[in-house]
């Protein structure tokens, strides 16, 4: 397995643990995170501000990785089903295609997730 895939799996595991400190620490100082149907975020502080309140409302998080591959340029591509088991009893399950890019220091430099926002919102309602 490649270093970039290992870093991606470790980052996913931090989300599954709901470990906001580990999520932010995995990010480069200039990380670019874009949930494509939403506004992009820049920097670990913005990633933390996004993740912390959302994960605080989750009892459990699962990212089921269906497929994972690395490009010749070192980007990691994932096909996933992300499941969020909310404290209010709802389960949100979304299909996601994600791209992860790491810098030379092994920090997440760019992360883009593509998913259907309407699918997510209908389950959150």
N, C-alpha and C. Protein backbone atom coordinates (compact mmCIF):
# COMPACT_ATOMS: atom_id res chain seq x y z
N UNK A 1 0.85 -1.17 0.00
CA UNK A 1 0.00 0.00 0.00
C UNK A 1 0.90 1.24 0.00
N UNK A 2 0.43 2.28 -0.64
CA UNK A 2 1.23 3.49 -0.76
C UNK A 2 1.11 4.37 0.48
N UNK A 3 2.07 5.27 0.64
CA UNK A 3 2.04 6.22 1.76
C UNK A 3 0.78 7.09 1.69
N UNK A 4 0.42 7.57 0.49
CA UNK A 4 -0.75 8.44 0.36
C UNK A 4 -2.03 7.70 0.73
N UNK A 5 -2.15 6.45 0.35
CA UNK A 5 -3.33 5.67 0.73
C UNK A 5 -3.35 5.45 2.23
N UNK A 6 -2.19 5.16 2.82
CA UNK A 6 -2.12 5.00 4.28
C UNK A 6 -2.55 6.29 4.99
N UNK A 7 -2.09 7.45 4.49
CA UNK A 7 -2.46 8.73 5.08
C UNK A 7 -3.96 8.98 4.95
N UNK A 8 -4.52 8.60 3.81
CA UNK A 8 -5.96 8.76 3.59
C UNK A 8 -6.74 7.89 4.57
N UNK A 9 -6.33 6.66 4.71
CA UNK A 9 -7.02 5.76 5.65
C UNK A 9 -6.91 6.27 7.09
N UNK A 10 -5.76 6.82 7.46
CA UNK A 10 -5.60 7.38 8.80
C UNK A 10 -6.50 8.60 9.00
N UNK A 11 -6.64 9.41 7.97
CA UNK A 11 -7.52 10.59 8.05
C UNK A 11 -8.97 10.15 8.19
N UNK A 12 -9.37 9.17 7.42
CA UNK A 12 -10.73 8.63 7.52
C UNK A 12 -10.96 8.08 8.93
N UNK A 13 -9.98 7.37 9.46
CA UNK A 13 -10.10 6.80 10.81
C UNK A 13 -10.29 7.90 11.86
N UNK A 14 -9.65 9.05 11.68
CA UNK A 14 -9.84 10.17 12.61
C UNK A 14 -11.29 10.66 12.57
N UNK A 15 -11.89 10.69 11.39
CA UNK A 15 -13.31 11.05 11.29
C UNK A 15 -14.17 10.01 11.99
N UNK A 16 -13.84 8.74 11.78
CA UNK A 16 -14.64 7.68 12.41
C UNK A 16 -14.53 7.72 13.94
N UNK A 17 -13.39 8.16 14.45
CA UNK A 17 -13.22 8.32 15.90
C UNK A 17 -13.83 9.62 16.41
N UNK A 18 -14.25 10.47 15.47
CA UNK A 18 -14.77 11.81 15.78
C UNK A 18 -13.71 12.63 16.52
N UNK A 19 -12.46 12.48 16.10
CA UNK A 19 -11.30 13.11 16.73
C UNK A 19 -10.95 14.40 15.98
N UNK A 20 -11.59 15.48 16.37
CA UNK A 20 -11.42 16.76 15.69
C UNK A 20 -9.97 17.24 15.77
N UNK A 21 -9.29 17.00 16.87
CA UNK A 21 -7.88 17.39 16.99
C UNK A 21 -7.03 16.66 15.95
N UNK A 22 -7.25 15.37 15.79
CA UNK A 22 -6.48 14.60 14.81
C UNK A 22 -6.82 15.02 13.39
N UNK A 23 -8.08 15.34 13.14
CA UNK A 23 -8.50 15.82 11.81
C UNK A 23 -7.76 17.10 11.48
N UNK A 24 -7.78 18.06 12.38
CA UNK A 24 -7.11 19.35 12.15
C UNK A 24 -5.59 19.16 12.04
N UNK A 25 -5.03 18.30 12.87
CA UNK A 25 -3.58 18.09 12.86
C UNK A 25 -3.11 17.43 11.56
N UNK A 26 -3.97 16.68 10.91
CA UNK A 26 -3.61 16.02 9.66
C UNK A 26 -3.57 17.00 8.49
N UNK A 27 -4.09 18.19 8.68
CA UNK A 27 -4.21 19.18 7.61
C UNK A 27 -2.98 20.08 7.51
N UNK A 28 -2.60 20.38 6.29
CA UNK A 28 -1.54 21.36 6.04
C UNK A 28 -2.06 22.74 6.45
N UNK A 29 -1.16 23.68 6.76
CA UNK A 29 -1.60 25.02 7.15
C UNK A 29 -2.48 25.71 6.10
N UNK A 30 -2.28 25.34 4.83
CA UNK A 30 -3.06 25.96 3.75
C UNK A 30 -4.03 24.97 3.11
N UNK A 31 -4.48 23.98 3.89
CA UNK A 31 -5.37 22.96 3.35
C UNK A 31 -6.59 23.59 2.67
N UNK A 32 -6.98 22.99 1.57
CA UNK A 32 -8.19 23.39 0.83
C UNK A 32 -9.15 22.21 0.90
N UNK A 33 -10.31 22.41 1.54
CA UNK A 33 -11.32 21.36 1.70
C UNK A 33 -12.60 21.85 1.05
N UNK A 34 -13.11 21.05 0.12
CA UNK A 34 -14.32 21.46 -0.58
C UNK A 34 -15.29 20.29 -0.68
N UNK A 35 -16.38 20.38 0.07
CA UNK A 35 -17.55 19.55 -0.19
C UNK A 35 -18.20 20.23 -1.38
N UNK A 36 -18.09 19.66 -2.54
CA UNK A 36 -18.38 20.36 -3.79
C UNK A 36 -19.73 21.08 -3.81
N UNK A 37 -20.80 20.55 -3.24
CA UNK A 37 -22.03 21.34 -3.28
C UNK A 37 -22.07 22.49 -2.27
N UNK A 38 -21.01 22.65 -1.48
CA UNK A 38 -20.99 23.67 -0.42
C UNK A 38 -19.82 24.63 -0.66
N UNK A 39 -19.68 25.62 0.20
CA UNK A 39 -18.57 26.57 0.09
C UNK A 39 -17.27 25.90 0.52
N UNK A 40 -16.15 26.19 -0.18
CA UNK A 40 -14.88 25.60 0.21
C UNK A 40 -14.35 26.19 1.52
N UNK A 41 -13.50 25.43 2.18
CA UNK A 41 -12.88 25.85 3.43
C UNK A 41 -11.37 25.89 3.22
N UNK A 42 -10.72 26.87 3.85
CA UNK A 42 -9.27 27.00 3.77
C UNK A 42 -8.67 27.03 5.16
N UNK A 43 -7.71 26.15 5.40
CA UNK A 43 -6.98 26.12 6.65
C UNK A 43 -7.58 25.18 7.67
N UNK A 44 -6.73 24.66 8.56
CA UNK A 44 -7.18 23.71 9.58
C UNK A 44 -8.21 24.30 10.54
N UNK A 45 -8.15 25.59 10.81
CA UNK A 45 -9.13 26.19 11.72
C UNK A 45 -10.54 26.14 11.13
N UNK A 46 -10.64 26.37 9.82
CA UNK A 46 -11.96 26.29 9.18
C UNK A 46 -12.45 24.85 9.12
N UNK A 47 -11.53 23.91 8.89
CA UNK A 47 -11.91 22.49 8.88
C UNK A 47 -12.41 22.11 10.27
N UNK A 48 -11.68 22.54 11.30
CA UNK A 48 -12.10 22.26 12.68
C UNK A 48 -13.48 22.88 12.97
N UNK A 49 -13.68 24.12 12.58
CA UNK A 49 -14.95 24.82 12.83
C UNK A 49 -16.11 24.14 12.12
N UNK A 50 -15.83 23.51 10.99
CA UNK A 50 -16.86 22.77 10.27
C UNK A 50 -17.13 21.42 10.94
N UNK A 51 -16.06 20.69 11.25
CA UNK A 51 -16.18 19.32 11.73
C UNK A 51 -16.69 19.24 13.17
N UNK A 52 -16.20 20.10 14.04
CA UNK A 52 -16.49 19.98 15.48
C UNK A 52 -17.99 19.97 15.80
N UNK A 53 -18.76 20.96 15.36
CA UNK A 53 -20.19 20.93 15.73
C UNK A 53 -20.95 19.79 15.06
N UNK A 54 -20.56 19.45 13.84
CA UNK A 54 -21.24 18.34 13.18
C UNK A 54 -20.96 17.03 13.90
N UNK A 55 -19.69 16.75 14.19
CA UNK A 55 -19.34 15.50 14.85
C UNK A 55 -19.84 15.44 16.28
N UNK A 56 -20.02 16.59 16.93
CA UNK A 56 -20.57 16.62 18.29
C UNK A 56 -22.01 16.10 18.31
N UNK A 57 -22.68 16.16 17.15
CA UNK A 57 -24.05 15.68 17.05
C UNK A 57 -24.14 14.23 16.57
N UNK A 58 -23.00 13.57 16.45
CA UNK A 58 -22.96 12.18 16.00
C UNK A 58 -22.58 11.26 17.16
N UNK A 59 -23.29 10.14 17.25
CA UNK A 59 -22.89 9.08 18.17
C UNK A 59 -21.79 8.22 17.56
N UNK A 60 -21.87 8.07 16.24
CA UNK A 60 -20.92 7.21 15.55
C UNK A 60 -20.80 7.65 14.10
N UNK A 61 -19.62 7.42 13.52
CA UNK A 61 -19.37 7.76 12.12
C UNK A 61 -18.69 6.56 11.46
N UNK A 62 -19.14 6.21 10.27
CA UNK A 62 -18.52 5.15 9.48
C UNK A 62 -18.30 5.64 8.07
N UNK A 63 -17.10 5.52 7.57
CA UNK A 63 -16.79 5.78 6.16
C UNK A 63 -16.48 4.41 5.55
N UNK A 64 -17.43 3.85 4.83
CA UNK A 64 -17.20 2.58 4.16
C UNK A 64 -16.51 2.86 2.82
N UNK A 65 -15.26 2.47 2.72
CA UNK A 65 -14.51 2.70 1.49
C UNK A 65 -14.74 1.52 0.55
N UNK A 66 -15.45 1.79 -0.53
CA UNK A 66 -15.75 0.75 -1.51
C UNK A 66 -14.57 0.51 -2.44
N UNK A 67 -13.94 1.62 -2.85
CA UNK A 67 -12.77 1.55 -3.74
C UNK A 67 -11.81 2.66 -3.34
N UNK A 68 -10.51 2.36 -3.46
CA UNK A 68 -9.49 3.36 -3.19
C UNK A 68 -8.36 3.12 -4.19
N UNK A 69 -7.86 4.20 -4.78
CA UNK A 69 -6.80 4.09 -5.78
C UNK A 69 -5.96 5.35 -5.72
N UNK A 70 -4.74 5.23 -6.21
CA UNK A 70 -3.83 6.37 -6.25
C UNK A 70 -3.47 6.66 -7.70
N UNK A 71 -3.49 7.93 -8.06
CA UNK A 71 -3.10 8.33 -9.40
C UNK A 71 -1.58 8.38 -9.51
N UNK A 72 -1.08 8.49 -10.72
CA UNK A 72 0.36 8.58 -10.93
C UNK A 72 0.93 9.87 -10.33
N UNK A 73 0.08 10.86 -10.09
CA UNK A 73 0.51 12.13 -9.47
C UNK A 73 0.43 12.07 -7.94
N UNK A 74 -0.06 10.97 -7.39
CA UNK A 74 -0.11 10.82 -5.94
C UNK A 74 -1.42 11.19 -5.29
N UNK A 75 -2.44 11.57 -6.06
CA UNK A 75 -3.76 11.83 -5.49
C UNK A 75 -4.44 10.51 -5.18
N UNK A 76 -5.18 10.47 -4.09
CA UNK A 76 -5.92 9.27 -3.71
C UNK A 76 -7.39 9.50 -4.01
N UNK A 77 -7.99 8.57 -4.72
CA UNK A 77 -9.40 8.64 -5.10
C UNK A 77 -10.16 7.58 -4.32
N UNK A 78 -11.27 8.00 -3.74
CA UNK A 78 -12.09 7.06 -2.98
C UNK A 78 -13.53 7.09 -3.46
N UNK A 79 -14.13 5.91 -3.45
CA UNK A 79 -15.58 5.79 -3.58
C UNK A 79 -16.03 5.27 -2.23
N UNK A 80 -16.94 6.02 -1.58
CA UNK A 80 -17.31 5.69 -0.20
C UNK A 80 -18.81 5.79 -0.01
N UNK A 81 -19.24 5.18 1.10
CA UNK A 81 -20.55 5.45 1.67
C UNK A 81 -20.26 5.96 3.08
N UNK A 82 -20.56 7.23 3.32
CA UNK A 82 -20.33 7.84 4.63
C UNK A 82 -21.63 7.78 5.42
N UNK A 83 -21.53 7.23 6.62
CA UNK A 83 -22.72 7.10 7.48
C UNK A 83 -22.49 7.85 8.78
N UNK A 84 -23.47 8.64 9.13
CA UNK A 84 -23.43 9.43 10.35
C UNK A 84 -24.63 9.03 11.20
N UNK A 85 -24.35 8.46 12.36
CA UNK A 85 -25.40 8.03 13.27
C UNK A 85 -25.59 9.16 14.27
N UNK A 86 -26.66 9.91 14.07
CA UNK A 86 -26.88 11.14 14.81
C UNK A 86 -27.42 10.87 16.21
N UNK A 87 -27.15 11.80 17.10
CA UNK A 87 -27.62 11.66 18.49
C UNK A 87 -29.14 11.70 18.58
N UNK A 88 -29.80 12.28 17.56
CA UNK A 88 -31.27 12.34 17.57
C UNK A 88 -31.90 11.05 17.04
N UNK A 89 -31.06 10.04 16.76
CA UNK A 89 -31.57 8.75 16.31
C UNK A 89 -31.58 8.57 14.79
N UNK A 90 -31.39 9.64 14.04
CA UNK A 90 -31.37 9.52 12.58
C UNK A 90 -30.02 8.97 12.12
N UNK A 91 -30.07 8.28 10.99
CA UNK A 91 -28.85 7.85 10.32
C UNK A 91 -28.81 8.52 8.96
N UNK A 92 -27.71 9.19 8.68
CA UNK A 92 -27.51 9.84 7.39
C UNK A 92 -26.47 9.02 6.64
N UNK A 93 -26.83 8.59 5.45
CA UNK A 93 -25.96 7.75 4.64
C UNK A 93 -25.85 8.39 3.26
N UNK A 94 -24.62 8.79 2.88
CA UNK A 94 -24.45 9.45 1.59
C UNK A 94 -23.35 8.76 0.78
N UNK A 95 -23.59 8.72 -0.52
CA UNK A 95 -22.60 8.17 -1.45
C UNK A 95 -21.64 9.30 -1.82
N UNK A 96 -20.34 9.01 -1.75
CA UNK A 96 -19.32 10.05 -1.91
C UNK A 96 -18.20 9.57 -2.82
N UNK A 97 -17.74 10.46 -3.67
CA UNK A 97 -16.47 10.28 -4.38
C UNK A 97 -15.55 11.34 -3.82
N UNK A 98 -14.36 10.93 -3.37
CA UNK A 98 -13.44 11.87 -2.74
C UNK A 98 -12.06 11.82 -3.35
N UNK A 99 -11.39 12.97 -3.30
CA UNK A 99 -10.01 13.11 -3.77
C UNK A 99 -9.19 13.71 -2.64
N UNK A 100 -8.07 13.06 -2.31
CA UNK A 100 -7.19 13.50 -1.23
C UNK A 100 -5.79 13.72 -1.83
N UNK A 101 -5.19 14.88 -1.54
CA UNK A 101 -3.84 15.17 -1.99
C UNK A 101 -3.02 15.61 -0.79
N UNK A 102 -1.80 15.07 -0.67
CA UNK A 102 -0.94 15.33 0.47
C UNK A 102 0.32 16.06 0.02
N UNK A 103 0.87 16.90 0.92
CA UNK A 103 2.13 17.58 0.61
C UNK A 103 3.31 16.67 0.98
N UNK A 104 4.52 17.17 0.76
CA UNK A 104 5.72 16.37 1.02
C UNK A 104 5.87 16.00 2.50
N UNK A 105 5.25 16.80 3.39
CA UNK A 105 5.31 16.53 4.83
C UNK A 105 4.25 15.51 5.28
N UNK A 106 3.45 15.01 4.34
CA UNK A 106 2.41 14.05 4.68
C UNK A 106 1.15 14.69 5.25
N UNK A 107 1.01 15.99 5.06
CA UNK A 107 -0.19 16.70 5.53
C UNK A 107 -1.18 16.82 4.38
N UNK A 108 -2.45 16.78 4.72
CA UNK A 108 -3.51 16.90 3.73
C UNK A 108 -3.51 18.31 3.16
N UNK A 109 -3.27 18.42 1.85
CA UNK A 109 -3.20 19.72 1.19
C UNK A 109 -4.51 20.08 0.50
N UNK A 110 -5.14 19.08 -0.12
CA UNK A 110 -6.40 19.31 -0.82
C UNK A 110 -7.30 18.11 -0.60
N UNK A 111 -8.57 18.42 -0.31
CA UNK A 111 -9.56 17.36 -0.12
C UNK A 111 -10.85 17.84 -0.76
N UNK A 112 -11.35 17.07 -1.70
CA UNK A 112 -12.61 17.39 -2.36
C UNK A 112 -13.52 16.17 -2.26
N UNK A 113 -14.74 16.37 -1.81
CA UNK A 113 -15.75 15.32 -1.77
C UNK A 113 -16.92 15.75 -2.64
N UNK A 114 -17.36 14.82 -3.47
CA UNK A 114 -18.48 15.05 -4.38
C UNK A 114 -19.63 14.16 -3.92
N UNK A 115 -20.77 14.78 -3.62
CA UNK A 115 -21.94 14.03 -3.18
C UNK A 115 -23.18 14.84 -3.50
N UNK A 116 -24.32 14.20 -3.35
CA UNK A 116 -25.62 14.82 -3.62
C UNK A 116 -26.10 15.53 -2.35
N UNK A 117 -26.05 16.85 -2.36
CA UNK A 117 -26.44 17.62 -1.18
C UNK A 117 -27.92 17.39 -0.84
N UNK A 118 -28.77 17.24 -1.84
CA UNK A 118 -30.19 17.00 -1.58
C UNK A 118 -30.40 15.67 -0.85
N UNK A 119 -29.60 14.65 -1.20
CA UNK A 119 -29.68 13.36 -0.52
C UNK A 119 -29.32 13.53 0.96
N UNK A 120 -28.28 14.30 1.22
CA UNK A 120 -27.85 14.56 2.60
C UNK A 120 -28.92 15.36 3.36
N UNK A 121 -29.40 16.44 2.77
CA UNK A 121 -30.37 17.31 3.43
C UNK A 121 -31.69 16.60 3.71
N UNK A 122 -32.13 15.74 2.80
CA UNK A 122 -33.40 15.04 3.00
C UNK A 122 -33.31 14.10 4.21
N UNK A 123 -32.14 13.55 4.44
CA UNK A 123 -31.97 12.65 5.59
C UNK A 123 -31.79 13.41 6.91
N UNK A 124 -31.31 14.63 6.81
CA UNK A 124 -31.11 15.45 8.01
C UNK A 124 -32.42 16.09 8.48
N UNK A 125 -33.37 16.23 7.56
CA UNK A 125 -34.63 16.92 7.88
C UNK A 125 -35.43 16.16 8.92
